[in-house]
Amino acid sequence: MNILYLTNHLNIGGISSYVLSLAKGFKKRGHNVYIASSGGELLPRFIQEKIIYLPIPIKTKSELSPKIMISMFKLSGMIKEKKI
């Protein structure tokens, strides 16, 4: 199965650590795991675990930011291409 996690950043903190734990668990079970994010301090840990990084410009605090639309278009193409 192909699994995609989407988060606005991968900085040190609760949600990023939680996503890393989930991704590692699914990876150990033989799934293809992708993380779409604007990057952050924990990105090297994801890469070390062979979790595929999909860079998107989603780091924003506004729901109306154009970054959301740009990220949506980038992700929709990647989701189709990788059959997520």
N, C-alpha and C. Protein backbone atom coordinates (compact mmCIF):
# COMPACT_ATOMS: atom_id res chain seq x y z
N MET A 1 0.84 -1.17 0.00
CA MET A 1 0.00 0.00 0.00
C MET A 1 0.89 1.24 0.00
N ASN A 2 0.44 2.29 -0.65
CA ASN A 2 1.14 3.57 -0.65
C ASN A 2 0.43 4.50 0.32
N ILE A 3 1.18 5.06 1.25
CA ILE A 3 0.62 5.90 2.31
C ILE A 3 1.28 7.28 2.25
N LEU A 4 0.45 8.32 2.32
CA LEU A 4 0.95 9.70 2.30
C LEU A 4 0.56 10.40 3.59
N TYR A 5 1.55 10.97 4.25
CA TYR A 5 1.31 11.85 5.39
C TYR A 5 1.54 13.27 4.93
N LEU A 6 0.66 14.16 5.35
CA LEU A 6 0.73 15.56 4.97
C LEU A 6 0.81 16.41 6.23
N THR A 7 1.85 17.22 6.32
CA THR A 7 2.00 18.13 7.46
C THR A 7 2.69 19.40 6.98
N ASN A 8 2.39 20.51 7.61
CA ASN A 8 2.95 21.77 7.11
C ASN A 8 4.44 21.91 7.40
N HIS A 9 4.95 21.22 8.43
CA HIS A 9 6.39 21.27 8.70
C HIS A 9 6.83 20.00 9.42
N LEU A 10 8.13 19.81 9.49
CA LEU A 10 8.71 18.65 10.17
C LEU A 10 9.68 19.11 11.26
N ASN A 11 9.30 20.15 11.96
CA ASN A 11 10.14 20.64 13.06
C ASN A 11 9.95 19.76 14.29
N ILE A 12 10.87 19.86 15.22
CA ILE A 12 10.82 19.06 16.44
C ILE A 12 9.56 19.42 17.22
N GLY A 13 8.81 18.40 17.58
CA GLY A 13 7.58 18.62 18.32
C GLY A 13 6.68 17.40 18.23
N GLY A 14 5.53 17.51 18.84
CA GLY A 14 4.61 16.39 18.97
C GLY A 14 4.14 15.78 17.67
N ILE A 15 3.55 16.58 16.78
CA ILE A 15 2.96 16.01 15.57
C ILE A 15 4.02 15.40 14.66
N SER A 16 5.14 16.05 14.51
CA SER A 16 6.20 15.53 13.64
C SER A 16 6.76 14.23 14.18
N SER A 17 6.95 14.15 15.49
CA SER A 17 7.44 12.91 16.11
C SER A 17 6.42 11.79 15.97
N TYR A 18 5.15 12.12 16.12
CA TYR A 18 4.09 11.14 15.98
C TYR A 18 4.03 10.61 14.54
N VAL A 19 4.10 11.50 13.56
CA VAL A 19 4.08 11.09 12.16
C VAL A 19 5.30 10.23 11.84
N LEU A 20 6.45 10.57 12.40
CA LEU A 20 7.65 9.76 12.18
C LEU A 20 7.44 8.35 12.73
N SER A 21 6.88 8.22 13.91
CA SER A 21 6.62 6.90 14.50
C SER A 21 5.64 6.10 13.64
N LEU A 22 4.57 6.73 13.20
CA LEU A 22 3.61 6.05 12.34
C LEU A 22 4.24 5.61 11.03
N ALA A 23 4.98 6.51 10.41
CA ALA A 23 5.62 6.21 9.13
C ALA A 23 6.60 5.05 9.26
N LYS A 24 7.40 5.05 10.32
CA LYS A 24 8.35 3.96 10.54
C LYS A 24 7.63 2.63 10.70
N GLY A 25 6.53 2.65 11.43
CA GLY A 25 5.76 1.43 11.65
C GLY A 25 5.20 0.86 10.35
N PHE A 26 4.63 1.72 9.53
CA PHE A 26 4.09 1.26 8.25
C PHE A 26 5.20 0.81 7.31
N LYS A 27 6.33 1.49 7.36
CA LYS A 27 7.49 1.11 6.53
C LYS A 27 7.96 -0.30 6.90
N LYS A 28 8.02 -0.58 8.20
CA LYS A 28 8.44 -1.91 8.67
C LYS A 28 7.48 -3.00 8.20
N ARG A 29 6.23 -2.64 7.98
CA ARG A 29 5.23 -3.61 7.52
C ARG A 29 5.23 -3.75 5.99
N GLY A 30 6.18 -3.08 5.33
CA GLY A 30 6.34 -3.25 3.89
C GLY A 30 5.60 -2.26 3.02
N HIS A 31 5.04 -1.22 3.60
CA HIS A 31 4.32 -0.23 2.82
C HIS A 31 5.26 0.85 2.29
N ASN A 32 4.87 1.48 1.20
CA ASN A 32 5.60 2.64 0.69
C ASN A 32 5.05 3.86 1.41
N VAL A 33 5.92 4.60 2.08
CA VAL A 33 5.47 5.73 2.88
C VAL A 33 6.07 7.02 2.33
N TYR A 34 5.20 8.02 2.16
CA TYR A 34 5.59 9.33 1.66
C TYR A 34 5.23 10.37 2.70
N ILE A 35 6.04 11.42 2.78
CA ILE A 35 5.73 12.56 3.64
C ILE A 35 5.77 13.82 2.78
N ALA A 36 4.67 14.56 2.75
CA ALA A 36 4.60 15.81 2.01
C ALA A 36 4.62 16.94 3.04
N SER A 37 5.57 17.85 2.87
CA SER A 37 5.77 18.89 3.86
C SER A 37 6.68 19.98 3.30
N SER A 38 6.77 21.06 4.05
CA SER A 38 7.70 22.13 3.68
C SER A 38 9.09 21.89 4.29
N GLY A 39 9.29 20.75 4.94
CA GLY A 39 10.60 20.42 5.51
C GLY A 39 10.69 20.83 6.96
N GLY A 40 11.88 20.70 7.51
CA GLY A 40 12.10 21.07 8.90
C GLY A 40 13.25 20.28 9.51
N GLU A 41 13.44 20.48 10.79
CA GLU A 41 14.58 19.89 11.51
C GLU A 41 14.57 18.36 11.53
N LEU A 42 13.39 17.74 11.48
CA LEU A 42 13.32 16.28 11.53
C LEU A 42 13.39 15.62 10.15
N LEU A 43 13.47 16.40 9.09
CA LEU A 43 13.52 15.83 7.74
C LEU A 43 14.63 14.79 7.58
N PRO A 44 15.84 15.03 8.08
CA PRO A 44 16.89 14.00 7.94
C PRO A 44 16.50 12.66 8.57
N ARG A 45 15.73 12.67 9.64
CA ARG A 45 15.30 11.41 10.28
C ARG A 45 14.34 10.65 9.38
N PHE A 46 13.45 11.38 8.69
CA PHE A 46 12.53 10.74 7.75
C PHE A 46 13.31 10.12 6.60
N ILE A 47 14.27 10.85 6.08
CA ILE A 47 15.08 10.36 4.97
C ILE A 47 15.91 9.16 5.42
N GLN A 48 16.46 9.20 6.62
CA GLN A 48 17.24 8.09 7.17
C GLN A 48 16.39 6.82 7.24
N GLU A 49 15.11 6.98 7.52
CA GLU A 49 14.19 5.83 7.61
C GLU A 49 13.65 5.41 6.24
N LYS A 50 14.17 6.02 5.18
CA LYS A 50 13.77 5.71 3.80
C LYS A 50 12.30 6.05 3.53
N ILE A 51 11.83 7.10 4.18
CA ILE A 51 10.50 7.62 3.93
C ILE A 51 10.65 8.68 2.85
N ILE A 52 9.89 8.55 1.79
CA ILE A 52 10.06 9.40 0.62
C ILE A 52 9.49 10.79 0.89
N TYR A 53 10.31 11.79 0.68
CA TYR A 53 9.94 13.18 0.95
C TYR A 53 9.43 13.84 -0.32
N LEU A 54 8.24 14.44 -0.24
CA LEU A 54 7.66 15.20 -1.33
C LEU A 54 7.60 16.66 -0.89
N PRO A 55 8.50 17.50 -1.40
CA PRO A 55 8.51 18.90 -0.95
C PRO A 55 7.35 19.70 -1.51
N ILE A 56 6.65 20.39 -0.64
CA ILE A 56 5.57 21.28 -1.05
C ILE A 56 5.66 22.57 -0.22
N PRO A 57 5.24 23.69 -0.78
CA PRO A 57 5.34 24.98 -0.07
C PRO A 57 4.11 25.26 0.80
N ILE A 58 3.85 24.40 1.77
CA ILE A 58 2.59 24.49 2.52
C ILE A 58 2.72 25.22 3.86
N LYS A 59 3.92 25.59 4.26
CA LYS A 59 4.09 26.21 5.58
C LYS A 59 3.46 27.60 5.59
N THR A 60 2.31 27.70 6.20
CA THR A 60 1.56 28.94 6.29
C THR A 60 0.61 28.86 7.47
N LYS A 61 0.20 30.00 7.97
CA LYS A 61 -0.77 30.02 9.06
C LYS A 61 -2.14 30.47 8.58
N SER A 62 -2.25 30.75 7.29
CA SER A 62 -3.51 31.24 6.73
C SER A 62 -4.15 30.17 5.85
N GLU A 63 -5.42 29.88 6.09
CA GLU A 63 -6.13 28.92 5.26
C GLU A 63 -6.36 29.46 3.84
N LEU A 64 -6.22 30.76 3.66
CA LEU A 64 -6.46 31.38 2.36
C LEU A 64 -5.17 31.66 1.59
N SER A 65 -4.07 31.17 2.08
CA SER A 65 -2.78 31.40 1.43
C SER A 65 -2.72 30.72 0.07
N PRO A 66 -2.12 31.37 -0.93
CA PRO A 66 -1.93 30.73 -2.23
C PRO A 66 -1.04 29.49 -2.14
N LYS A 67 -0.24 29.39 -1.08
CA LYS A 67 0.60 28.21 -0.89
C LYS A 67 -0.24 26.94 -0.79
N ILE A 68 -1.43 27.06 -0.22
CA ILE A 68 -2.32 25.90 -0.08
C ILE A 68 -2.73 25.39 -1.47
N MET A 69 -3.09 26.30 -2.35
CA MET A 69 -3.50 25.90 -3.70
C MET A 69 -2.33 25.31 -4.49
N ILE A 70 -1.17 25.93 -4.38
CA ILE A 70 0.02 25.42 -5.08
C ILE A 70 0.33 24.01 -4.58
N SER A 71 0.29 23.82 -3.28
CA SER A 71 0.55 22.51 -2.69
C SER A 71 -0.48 21.48 -3.16
N MET A 72 -1.73 21.89 -3.24
CA MET A 72 -2.79 20.97 -3.68
C MET A 72 -2.54 20.48 -5.10
N PHE A 73 -2.17 21.40 -5.99
CA PHE A 73 -1.91 21.00 -7.38
C PHE A 73 -0.69 20.10 -7.48
N LYS A 74 0.37 20.41 -6.75
CA LYS A 74 1.56 19.56 -6.76
C LYS A 74 1.23 18.17 -6.24
N LEU A 75 0.49 18.12 -5.14
CA LEU A 75 0.16 16.83 -4.54
C LEU A 75 -0.78 16.00 -5.41
N SER A 76 -1.74 16.64 -6.05
CA SER A 76 -2.68 15.86 -6.86
C SER A 76 -1.94 15.13 -7.99
N GLY A 77 -0.95 15.77 -8.58
CA GLY A 77 -0.15 15.11 -9.61
C GLY A 77 0.67 13.97 -9.04
N MET A 78 1.28 14.19 -7.89
CA MET A 78 2.10 13.15 -7.27
C MET A 78 1.24 11.97 -6.82
N ILE A 79 0.05 12.25 -6.32
CA ILE A 79 -0.84 11.17 -5.86
C ILE A 79 -1.23 10.28 -7.03
N LYS A 80 -1.54 10.88 -8.17
CA LYS A 80 -1.88 10.09 -9.36
C LYS A 80 -0.66 9.31 -9.86
N GLU A 81 0.48 9.99 -9.95
CA GLU A 81 1.70 9.38 -10.47
C GLU A 81 2.15 8.19 -9.63
N LYS A 82 2.09 8.32 -8.32
CA LYS A 82 2.59 7.28 -7.42
C LYS A 82 1.51 6.33 -6.94
N LYS A 83 0.27 6.56 -7.42
CA LYS A 83 -0.87 5.72 -7.07
C LYS A 83 -1.08 5.62 -5.55
N ILE A 84 -1.10 6.78 -4.93
CA ILE A 84 -1.31 6.83 -3.47
C ILE A 84 -2.81 6.82 -3.21
